[in-house]
Amino acid sequence: MYPIKLSLKHQSWLVAATCMVADGGFVLFSRCPPGQTAIVLTITLAVNAMLAGPARLSGWVAAVQAAVPLILLVTTDGRIYANEAGLLIAGYRAGAWLRGMPAWASLGVLAASGFTCAFVMSDDLVRSLLVVAKIAVLPWLVGRYTTARRSYLAELEKRSEIEKADAKAAVTKAITEERSAIARDLHDVIVHHVSAIGLHAGAARLSLPGGDAKLATSLRSVETSSRAAMVDLRHLLDLLHGDKSEGARQPGLDNLDELFDGVRAAGTPARLEVRGQQRDVPESLDITIYRIIQEMLTNALRHGDASGVTVTLEYAPDSLTITAANTTGAGNGHSGAVRRGLVGIRNRAGMFAGTTRSGLEPDGRTWRTVVKFPLEVS
């Protein structure tokens, strides 16, 4: 704000100085006695310097500018018309900055001065009215127009900002409503079915005859997985509803132990290896890494054999590499479900400029998926 005010002040002094040079030059080139020329020049420079004053004084500046021609008409018999540029700028300022009676009074004073001087010197009514139009009415109207146009543009800009804000609010509202609709559908359909799976698995386990430990372990794994799925679903529902509380936080690297325990409970050996110096990563990336590892483990459960899966987190100064390796089961090396899972991993990684590489090793049985994320050097 301060530089703008300083710039406007400089410009007002530049306008005043230009008027002083223009009107002062005409005074110096007039054929009047040196003493009289000096007095008129002093008056002209003084009144034009007032043009650099505050806008609130525009009415008084216009009155002083209008008085100068009348004074010179009496003292020099109209031989010097000293401040024509000053009159034009004073009329513009009065029209631009003043409102109501002060504005009209300034116009009246300027018009009266111009008409009186022109009529006394020419005794021509039409010529005198043309002089009034030129030195009083025209600059005053230009000032009014400039201010009105500036106000109009400011109003358009304000209206545009309001429309943008309304449009943004409408989009936000639509997104919120759509999220709520999705959350309702998830709650009414998915949550119901997952809950039913957990209940039926628990009932089946409790109804088993004694001694069938392997089937009981499998059913218990189903119960555990369904409860974990319910927790994740509740997190997603909270996020869709806009709940940013700690309870709505999505799982990240700190929850990997729970994720691996769930896979082990399902009967698949799962190993996690961490190499390098662990470091914090952005929360959004933290969640994405968790989801990628979750997808890797899911692929291993579906398409791997009983040897299990090994996931390695390798921290480097400028990157984090996630590697999952498992031995594929018979006929599962190139299944469509694996491909869909890999597409999901690739899409998640791409959001953070990550690269993905996957495929069978030369032995023809080991499937390896590698995802590498760039990190800022700490």
Protein backbone atom coordinates (compact mmCIF):
# COMPACT_ATOMS: atom_id res chain seq x y z
CA MET A 1 0.00 0.00 0.00
CA TYR A 2 2.77 2.46 0.91
CA PRO A 3 4.62 2.15 -2.45
CA ILE A 4 1.34 2.79 -4.32
CA LYS A 5 0.64 5.94 -2.31
CA LEU A 6 4.22 7.09 -2.88
CA SER A 7 3.88 6.48 -6.62
CA LEU A 8 0.65 8.51 -6.76
CA LYS A 9 2.34 11.35 -4.89
CA HIS A 10 5.22 11.34 -7.35
CA GLN A 11 2.80 11.41 -10.27
CA SER A 12 0.82 14.33 -8.78
CA TRP A 13 4.04 16.32 -8.40
CA LEU A 14 4.97 15.43 -11.97
CA VAL A 15 1.62 16.78 -13.21
CA ALA A 16 2.05 19.96 -11.15
CA ALA A 17 5.61 20.43 -12.42
CA THR A 18 4.49 20.01 -16.03
CA CYS A 19 1.81 22.66 -15.55
CA MET A 20 4.37 24.97 -13.95
CA VAL A 21 6.73 24.57 -16.91
CA ALA A 22 3.97 25.04 -19.51
CA ASP A 23 2.25 28.04 -17.91
CA GLY A 24 5.53 29.55 -16.71
CA GLY A 25 6.91 29.34 -20.24
CA PHE A 26 3.98 31.32 -21.65
CA VAL A 27 4.47 33.97 -18.97
CA LEU A 28 8.18 34.31 -19.76
CA PHE A 29 7.48 34.69 -23.47
CA SER A 30 4.82 37.37 -22.91
CA ARG A 31 5.71 40.96 -23.76
CA CYS A 32 5.32 42.51 -20.34
CA PRO A 33 7.63 44.58 -18.16
CA PRO A 34 10.14 42.42 -16.28
CA GLY A 35 8.73 43.36 -12.87
CA GLN A 36 5.21 42.47 -13.86
CA THR A 37 6.39 39.25 -15.50
CA ALA A 38 8.18 38.22 -12.30
CA ILE A 39 5.08 38.78 -10.18
CA VAL A 40 2.81 36.89 -12.60
CA LEU A 41 5.33 34.06 -12.88
CA THR A 42 5.50 33.72 -9.09
CA ILE A 43 1.72 33.59 -8.81
CA THR A 44 1.46 31.07 -11.63
CA LEU A 45 4.08 28.74 -10.17
CA ALA A 46 2.51 28.95 -6.71
CA VAL A 47 -1.03 28.09 -7.80
CA ASN A 48 0.16 25.30 -10.07
CA ALA A 49 2.21 23.82 -7.23
CA MET A 50 -1.07 23.45 -5.35
CA LEU A 51 -2.11 20.83 -7.92
CA ALA A 52 0.16 18.35 -6.09
CA GLY A 53 -1.90 18.76 -2.90
CA PRO A 54 -4.40 16.27 -1.44
CA ALA A 55 -7.48 15.36 -3.45
CA ARG A 56 -9.78 16.64 -0.68
CA LEU A 57 -8.55 20.18 -1.41
CA SER A 58 -9.50 20.01 -5.09
CA GLY A 59 -12.36 22.48 -4.61
CA TRP A 60 -10.09 25.13 -3.04
CA VAL A 61 -7.44 24.58 -5.72
CA ALA A 62 -10.07 25.10 -8.42
CA ALA A 63 -11.21 28.33 -6.72
CA VAL A 64 -7.64 29.69 -6.53
CA GLN A 65 -6.95 28.74 -10.15
CA ALA A 66 -10.17 30.46 -11.20
CA ALA A 67 -9.20 33.63 -9.30
CA VAL A 68 -5.85 34.06 -11.06
CA PRO A 69 -7.25 35.01 -14.52
CA LEU A 70 -9.62 37.49 -12.89
CA ILE A 71 -6.75 39.10 -10.94
CA LEU A 72 -4.60 39.30 -14.08
CA LEU A 73 -7.53 40.71 -16.06
CA VAL A 74 -7.68 43.64 -13.62
CA THR A 75 -3.94 44.16 -13.09
CA THR A 76 -2.60 43.57 -16.63
CA ASP A 77 -5.64 44.48 -18.72
CA GLY A 78 -5.83 40.88 -19.92
CA ARG A 79 -2.45 40.89 -21.60
CA ILE A 80 -1.35 37.70 -19.81
CA TYR A 81 -3.44 34.57 -19.56
CA ALA A 82 -1.08 32.77 -17.22
CA ASN A 83 -2.50 29.47 -15.97
CA GLU A 84 -4.48 27.77 -18.72
CA ALA A 85 -2.86 24.35 -18.08
CA GLY A 86 -3.48 24.77 -14.34
CA LEU A 87 -7.16 25.54 -14.99
CA LEU A 88 -7.56 22.39 -17.10
CA ILE A 89 -6.01 20.14 -14.45
CA ALA A 90 -7.94 21.84 -11.65
CA GLY A 91 -11.20 21.22 -13.53
CA TYR A 92 -10.28 17.58 -14.06
CA ARG A 93 -9.43 17.10 -10.37
CA ALA A 94 -12.68 18.72 -9.28
CA GLY A 95 -14.70 16.43 -11.55
CA ALA A 96 -12.75 13.32 -10.59
CA TRP A 97 -12.45 13.73 -6.82
CA LEU A 98 -15.39 15.84 -5.67
CA ARG A 99 -19.05 14.89 -5.33
CA GLY A 100 -22.27 16.74 -4.69
CA MET A 101 -22.26 20.49 -4.07
CA PRO A 102 -18.42 20.91 -3.87
CA ALA A 103 -18.09 19.43 -7.37
CA TRP A 104 -20.79 21.62 -8.89
CA ALA A 105 -19.53 24.69 -7.07
CA SER A 106 -16.03 24.12 -8.44
CA LEU A 107 -17.44 23.80 -11.96
CA GLY A 108 -19.43 27.00 -11.48
CA VAL A 109 -16.39 28.95 -10.24
CA LEU A 110 -14.22 27.79 -13.14
CA ALA A 111 -16.96 28.47 -15.69
CA ALA A 112 -17.63 31.96 -14.28
CA SER A 113 -13.93 32.85 -14.39
CA GLY A 114 -13.50 31.61 -17.95
CA PHE A 115 -16.67 33.29 -19.19
CA THR A 116 -15.86 36.63 -17.53
CA CYS A 117 -12.32 36.83 -18.89
CA ALA A 118 -13.32 35.74 -22.40
CA PHE A 119 -16.32 38.05 -22.61
CA VAL A 120 -14.42 41.11 -21.33
CA MET A 121 -11.61 40.51 -23.81
CA SER A 122 -13.74 39.62 -26.88
CA ASP A 123 -17.25 40.94 -26.17
CA ASP A 124 -18.50 37.80 -27.96
CA LEU A 125 -21.04 35.61 -26.16
CA VAL A 126 -20.59 32.52 -28.33
CA ARG A 127 -16.81 32.71 -28.11
CA SER A 128 -17.05 33.12 -24.35
CA LEU A 129 -19.26 30.03 -24.03
CA LEU A 130 -16.83 28.02 -26.14
CA VAL A 131 -14.02 29.07 -23.82
CA VAL A 132 -16.10 27.88 -20.84
CA ALA A 133 -16.71 24.54 -22.56
CA LYS A 134 -12.99 24.12 -23.26
CA ILE A 135 -11.35 25.14 -19.99
CA ALA A 136 -14.06 24.26 -17.47
CA VAL A 137 -16.81 21.88 -18.61
CA LEU A 138 -14.70 19.49 -20.71
CA PRO A 139 -11.95 18.69 -18.14
CA TRP A 140 -14.60 18.48 -15.39
CA LEU A 141 -16.62 15.94 -17.42
CA VAL A 142 -13.49 13.94 -18.27
CA GLY A 143 -12.72 13.74 -14.55
CA ARG A 144 -16.24 12.53 -13.79
CA TYR A 145 -16.06 9.95 -16.58
CA THR A 146 -12.68 8.63 -15.45
CA THR A 147 -13.87 8.14 -11.89
CA ALA A 148 -17.14 6.56 -13.00
CA ARG A 149 -15.29 4.18 -15.31
CA ARG A 150 -12.85 3.24 -12.57
CA SER A 151 -15.75 2.55 -10.21
CA TYR A 152 -17.49 0.49 -12.88
CA LEU A 153 -14.39 -1.62 -13.50
CA ALA A 154 -13.92 -2.08 -9.76
CA GLU A 155 -17.55 -3.20 -9.49
CA LEU A 156 -17.06 -5.66 -12.37
CA GLU A 157 -13.94 -7.04 -10.71
CA LYS A 158 -15.74 -7.37 -7.39
CA ARG A 159 -18.68 -9.08 -9.08
CA SER A 160 -16.30 -11.43 -10.87
CA GLU A 161 -14.63 -12.35 -7.56
CA ILE A 162 -18.03 -12.98 -6.00
CA GLU A 163 -19.04 -15.18 -8.94
CA LYS A 164 -15.78 -17.14 -8.67
CA ALA A 165 -16.32 -17.60 -4.96
CA ASP A 166 -19.92 -18.73 -5.55
CA ALA A 167 -18.81 -21.15 -8.27
CA LYS A 168 -16.11 -22.57 -6.01
CA ALA A 169 -18.61 -22.92 -3.18
CA ALA A 170 -21.05 -24.68 -5.53
CA VAL A 171 -18.37 -27.13 -6.66
CA THR A 172 -17.36 -27.76 -3.05
CA LYS A 173 -20.99 -28.36 -2.11
CA ALA A 174 -21.48 -30.74 -5.04
CA ILE A 175 -18.34 -32.68 -4.11
CA THR A 176 -19.45 -32.86 -0.49
CA GLU A 177 -22.90 -34.10 -1.48
CA GLU A 178 -21.39 -36.69 -3.83
CA ARG A 179 -19.03 -37.89 -1.12
CA SER A 180 -21.94 -38.18 1.27
CA ALA A 181 -23.87 -40.20 -1.30
CA ILE A 182 -20.90 -42.53 -1.82
CA ALA A 183 -20.47 -42.85 1.95
CA ARG A 184 -24.15 -43.78 2.33
CA ASP A 185 -23.85 -46.42 -0.41
CA LEU A 186 -20.73 -47.87 1.19
CA HIS A 187 -22.38 -47.94 4.58
CA ASP A 188 -25.65 -49.44 3.36
CA VAL A 189 -24.13 -52.10 1.09
CA ILE A 190 -20.45 -52.88 1.67
CA VAL A 191 -20.40 -52.45 5.44
CA HIS A 192 -23.46 -54.66 5.76
CA HIS A 193 -21.92 -57.49 3.72
CA VAL A 194 -18.51 -57.29 5.41
CA SER A 195 -20.20 -57.39 8.82
CA ALA A 196 -22.21 -60.41 7.72
CA ILE A 197 -19.02 -62.17 6.59
CA GLY A 198 -17.44 -61.64 9.99
CA LEU A 199 -20.54 -62.83 11.85
CA HIS A 200 -20.98 -65.96 9.74
CA ALA A 201 -17.30 -66.82 10.00
CA GLY A 202 -17.50 -66.48 13.80
CA ALA A 203 -20.64 -68.57 13.97
CA ALA A 204 -19.10 -71.25 11.76
CA ARG A 205 -15.96 -71.37 13.87
CA LEU A 206 -17.93 -71.74 17.10
CA SER A 207 -20.01 -74.56 15.53
CA LEU A 208 -17.00 -76.58 14.47
CA PRO A 209 -16.44 -79.94 16.12
CA GLY A 210 -13.32 -80.13 18.24
CA GLY A 211 -10.04 -81.15 16.68
CA ASP A 212 -10.33 -79.32 13.33
CA ALA A 213 -7.69 -76.71 14.20
CA LYS A 214 -6.76 -75.86 10.61
CA LEU A 215 -10.32 -74.91 9.60
CA ALA A 216 -10.78 -72.98 12.86
CA THR A 217 -7.61 -71.00 12.09
CA SER A 218 -8.89 -70.18 8.60
CA LEU A 219 -12.25 -69.01 9.93
CA ARG A 220 -10.51 -66.94 12.58
CA SER A 221 -8.45 -65.32 9.80
CA VAL A 222 -11.69 -64.50 7.98
CA GLU A 223 -13.00 -62.83 11.13
CA THR A 224 -9.77 -60.88 11.58
CA SER A 225 -9.73 -59.77 7.95
CA SER A 226 -13.37 -58.68 8.07
CA ARG A 227 -12.73 -56.63 11.22
CA ALA A 228 -9.71 -54.99 9.55
CA ALA A 229 -11.80 -54.28 6.48
CA MET A 230 -14.46 -52.70 8.69
CA VAL A 231 -11.84 -50.42 10.29
CA ASP A 232 -10.57 -49.32 6.87
CA LEU A 233 -14.11 -48.78 5.64
CA ARG A 234 -14.93 -46.64 8.66
CA HIS A 235 -11.79 -44.57 8.00
CA LEU A 236 -12.89 -44.07 4.41
CA LEU A 237 -16.41 -43.17 5.47
CA ASP A 238 -15.07 -40.61 7.92
CA LEU A 239 -12.91 -39.08 5.19
CA LEU A 240 -15.80 -38.97 2.75
CA HIS A 241 -17.88 -37.20 5.38
CA GLY A 242 -15.06 -34.65 5.84
CA ASP A 243 -14.01 -35.84 9.28
CA LYS A 244 -10.33 -34.86 9.72
CA SER A 245 -10.05 -36.04 13.31
CA GLU A 246 -7.29 -38.35 14.51
CA GLY A 247 -9.73 -41.22 14.51
CA ALA A 248 -10.35 -40.68 10.79
CA ARG A 249 -6.64 -40.78 9.90
CA GLN A 250 -5.84 -43.35 7.24
CA PRO A 251 -3.23 -46.04 8.02
CA GLY A 252 0.40 -45.47 7.08
CA LEU A 253 3.85 -46.94 7.60
CA ASP A 254 3.29 -47.05 11.36
CA ASN A 255 0.51 -49.60 10.77
CA LEU A 256 2.53 -52.07 8.69
CA ASP A 257 2.93 -54.50 11.58
CA GLU A 258 -0.84 -54.84 11.87
CA LEU A 259 -1.10 -55.35 8.12
CA PHE A 260 1.52 -58.11 8.10
CA ASP A 261 -0.04 -59.78 11.16
CA GLY A 262 -3.32 -60.01 9.25
CA VAL A 263 -1.59 -61.72 6.31
CA ARG A 264 0.18 -64.15 8.62
CA ALA A 265 -3.12 -64.91 10.34
CA ALA A 266 -4.49 -65.90 6.93
CA GLY A 267 -1.80 -68.61 6.78
CA THR A 268 0.71 -66.92 4.44
CA PRO A 269 4.20 -66.18 5.75
CA ALA A 270 4.90 -62.47 5.35
CA ARG A 271 8.24 -60.83 6.09
CA LEU A 272 9.11 -57.15 6.27
CA GLU A 273 12.71 -55.98 5.90
CA VAL A 274 13.81 -52.37 6.38
CA ARG A 275 17.15 -51.23 5.05
CA GLY A 276 18.87 -47.88 5.38
CA GLN A 277 18.12 -45.00 7.71
CA GLN A 278 14.37 -44.66 8.24
CA ARG A 279 12.98 -41.16 7.78
CA ASP A 280 9.65 -39.40 7.81
CA VAL A 281 7.78 -38.96 4.54
CA PRO A 282 4.83 -36.64 3.73
CA GLU A 283 1.52 -37.91 5.11
CA SER A 284 -0.07 -38.36 1.67
CA LEU A 285 2.92 -40.41 0.49
CA ASP A 286 2.88 -42.35 3.76
CA ILE A 287 -0.72 -43.43 3.09
CA THR A 288 0.05 -44.27 -0.54
CA ILE A 289 3.00 -46.49 0.42
CA TYR A 290 0.78 -48.36 2.89
CA ARG A 291 -1.85 -48.94 0.19
CA ILE A 292 0.78 -50.14 -2.30
CA ILE A 293 2.20 -52.62 0.20
CA GLN A 294 -1.36 -53.72 1.00
CA GLU A 295 -1.94 -54.41 -2.70
CA MET A 296 1.37 -56.27 -2.96
CA LEU A 297 0.39 -58.52 -0.06
CA THR A 298 -3.08 -59.07 -1.52
CA ASN A 299 -1.53 -60.18 -4.84
CA ALA A 300 0.79 -62.54 -2.97
CA LEU A 301 -2.15 -64.03 -1.04
CA ARG A 302 -4.15 -64.61 -4.22
CA HIS A 303 -1.45 -65.78 -6.58
CA GLY A 304 1.53 -66.90 -4.50
CA ASP A 305 2.36 -70.28 -3.08
CA ALA A 306 2.83 -71.34 0.54
CA SER A 307 6.38 -69.95 0.73
CA GLY A 308 4.95 -66.49 1.43
CA VAL A 309 6.04 -62.99 0.48
CA THR A 310 8.94 -60.74 1.43
CA VAL A 311 8.55 -56.95 1.33
CA THR A 312 11.63 -54.75 1.56
CA LEU A 313 11.71 -51.03 2.34
CA GLU A 314 15.03 -49.56 1.28
CA TYR A 315 15.71 -45.98 2.35
CA ALA A 316 18.28 -43.96 0.39
CA PRO A 317 19.20 -40.29 0.82
CA ASP A 318 17.09 -39.32 -2.20
CA SER A 319 14.62 -42.19 -2.63
CA LEU A 320 12.54 -44.92 -1.05
CA THR A 321 12.27 -48.27 -2.81
CA ILE A 322 9.60 -50.87 -2.04
CA THR A 323 10.21 -54.40 -3.28
CA ALA A 324 7.84 -57.37 -2.96
CA ALA A 325 8.94 -60.87 -3.97
CA ASN A 326 6.95 -64.09 -3.85
CA THR A 327 6.87 -67.43 -5.61
CA THR A 328 3.86 -67.72 -7.89
CA GLY A 329 1.46 -70.61 -7.66
CA ALA A 330 0.60 -72.83 -10.56
CA GLY A 331 -1.02 -70.89 -13.39
CA ASN A 332 -0.99 -67.59 -11.56
CA GLY A 333 2.01 -65.87 -13.09
CA HIS A 334 0.09 -63.83 -15.62
CA SER A 335 -3.48 -63.65 -14.34
CA GLY A 336 -5.71 -60.69 -15.05
CA ALA A 337 -6.23 -59.94 -11.37
CA VAL A 338 -2.49 -59.44 -10.92
CA ARG A 339 -2.49 -57.08 -13.87
CA ARG A 340 -5.34 -55.04 -12.37
CA GLY A 341 -3.52 -54.88 -9.05
CA LEU A 342 -0.35 -53.69 -10.80
CA VAL A 343 -2.30 -50.98 -12.62
CA GLY A 344 -3.53 -49.73 -9.27
CA ILE A 345 0.00 -49.75 -7.87
CA ARG A 346 1.32 -47.93 -10.94
CA ASN A 347 -1.40 -45.28 -10.72
CA ARG A 348 -0.74 -44.65 -7.05
CA ALA A 349 3.01 -44.41 -7.63
CA GLY A 350 2.57 -42.05 -10.58
CA MET A 351 0.83 -39.49 -8.36
CA PHE A 352 4.17 -38.98 -6.57
CA ALA A 353 6.49 -39.30 -9.60
CA GLY A 354 7.23 -42.89 -8.59
CA THR A 355 8.37 -45.59 -11.01
CA THR A 356 7.11 -49.17 -11.11
CA ARG A 357 8.76 -52.34 -12.39
CA SER A 358 7.30 -55.86 -12.15
CA GLY A 359 7.58 -59.28 -13.70
CA LEU A 360 8.91 -62.80 -13.38
CA GLU A 361 12.53 -63.34 -12.48
CA PRO A 362 14.75 -65.51 -14.75
CA ASP A 363 13.84 -68.60 -12.70
CA GLY A 364 10.31 -68.31 -14.12
CA ARG A 365 8.59 -68.57 -10.75
CA THR A 366 9.56 -65.59 -8.59
CA TRP A 367 7.38 -62.55 -9.14
CA ARG A 368 9.02 -59.28 -8.15
CA THR A 369 7.37 -55.85 -7.96
CA VAL A 370 9.54 -52.79 -7.39
CA VAL A 371 8.24 -49.27 -6.73
CA LYS A 372 10.66 -46.38 -6.28
CA PHE A 373 9.72 -42.95 -4.97
CA PRO A 374 12.00 -39.91 -5.16
CA LEU A 375 12.50 -38.09 -1.84
CA GLU A 376 13.95 -34.70 -1.00
CA VAL A 377 17.48 -34.97 0.27
CA SER A 378 17.37 -34.34 4.01
